[in-house]
Amino acid sequence: MIGGWAAIIHGSARVTLDVDVVYRRHRDNLERLIQLKRAAGRPKDFEVIGELQALLEERRKLTGS
């Protein structure tokens, strides 16, 4: 567990409504996350899509695929 949920488990009174996601930076995972965020369609999600697409492009340059 990470982020706010980890803090709650360790006794913090702080409440968060977000979810932290840790993912392997594999091409397939990045593509799935981009699709998921596009489906959600909230303004903050579009910022994340840009970040994920940049990671995907960086991976493509490094691996040649």
Protein backbone atom coordinates (compact mmCIF):
# COMPACT_ATOMS: atom_id res chain seq x y z
CA MET A 1 0.00 0.00 0.00
CA ILE A 2 1.15 3.51 -0.78
CA GLY A 3 -0.11 7.05 -0.40
CA GLY A 4 -3.17 7.94 1.65
CA TRP A 5 -4.31 4.36 2.17
CA ALA A 6 -0.94 3.44 3.64
CA ALA A 7 -1.19 6.44 5.97
CA ILE A 8 -4.64 5.34 7.15
CA ILE A 9 -3.45 1.77 7.75
CA HIS A 10 -0.62 3.18 9.86
CA GLY A 11 -3.05 5.19 11.98
CA SER A 12 -3.29 8.58 10.29
CA ALA A 13 -6.59 10.41 10.67
CA ARG A 14 -6.14 12.00 7.24
CA VAL A 15 -8.75 10.89 4.72
CA THR A 16 -8.10 10.87 0.99
CA LEU A 17 -10.42 9.88 -1.81
CA ASP A 18 -7.78 9.34 -4.45
CA VAL A 19 -6.18 6.09 -5.52
CA ASP A 20 -2.44 5.78 -6.10
CA VAL A 21 -1.43 3.37 -8.84
CA VAL A 22 1.97 1.78 -9.20
CA TYR A 23 2.50 0.17 -12.56
CA ARG A 24 5.25 -1.51 -14.51
CA ARG A 25 6.40 0.80 -17.31
CA HIS A 26 5.86 -1.84 -19.96
CA ARG A 27 4.43 -0.78 -23.31
CA ASP A 28 1.26 -2.87 -22.89
CA ASN A 29 0.62 -1.43 -19.42
CA LEU A 30 1.10 2.15 -20.62
CA GLU A 31 -1.30 1.60 -23.52
CA ARG A 32 -3.93 0.11 -21.18
CA LEU A 33 -3.60 3.01 -18.75
CA ILE A 34 -3.99 5.52 -21.61
CA GLN A 35 -7.18 3.74 -22.74
CA LEU A 36 -8.51 3.66 -19.18
CA LYS A 37 -7.85 7.37 -18.64
CA ARG A 38 -9.45 8.27 -21.98
CA ALA A 39 -12.57 6.38 -20.91
CA ALA A 40 -12.71 8.32 -17.62
CA GLY A 41 -12.48 11.63 -19.48
CA ARG A 42 -12.05 14.05 -16.58
CA PRO A 43 -9.80 17.13 -17.10
CA LYS A 44 -7.13 15.83 -14.70
CA ASP A 45 -7.11 12.53 -16.59
CA PHE A 46 -6.12 14.29 -19.81
CA GLU A 47 -3.00 15.63 -18.11
CA VAL A 48 -2.12 12.09 -17.04
CA ILE A 49 -2.72 10.79 -20.57
CA GLY A 50 -0.07 13.21 -21.85
CA GLU A 51 2.38 11.99 -19.23
CA LEU A 52 1.68 8.34 -20.05
CA GLN A 53 2.03 8.97 -23.78
CA ALA A 54 5.40 10.63 -23.16
CA LEU A 55 6.55 7.59 -21.18
CA LEU A 56 5.34 5.30 -23.96
CA GLU A 57 7.19 7.32 -26.60
CA GLU A 58 10.34 7.32 -24.47
CA ARG A 59 10.10 3.55 -24.10
CA ARG A 60 9.66 3.13 -27.86
CA LYS A 61 12.81 5.18 -28.50
CA LEU A 62 14.82 3.18 -25.97
CA THR A 63 13.67 -0.25 -27.13
CA GLY A 64 13.15 0.45 -30.82
CA SER A 65 9.63 -0.99 -30.68
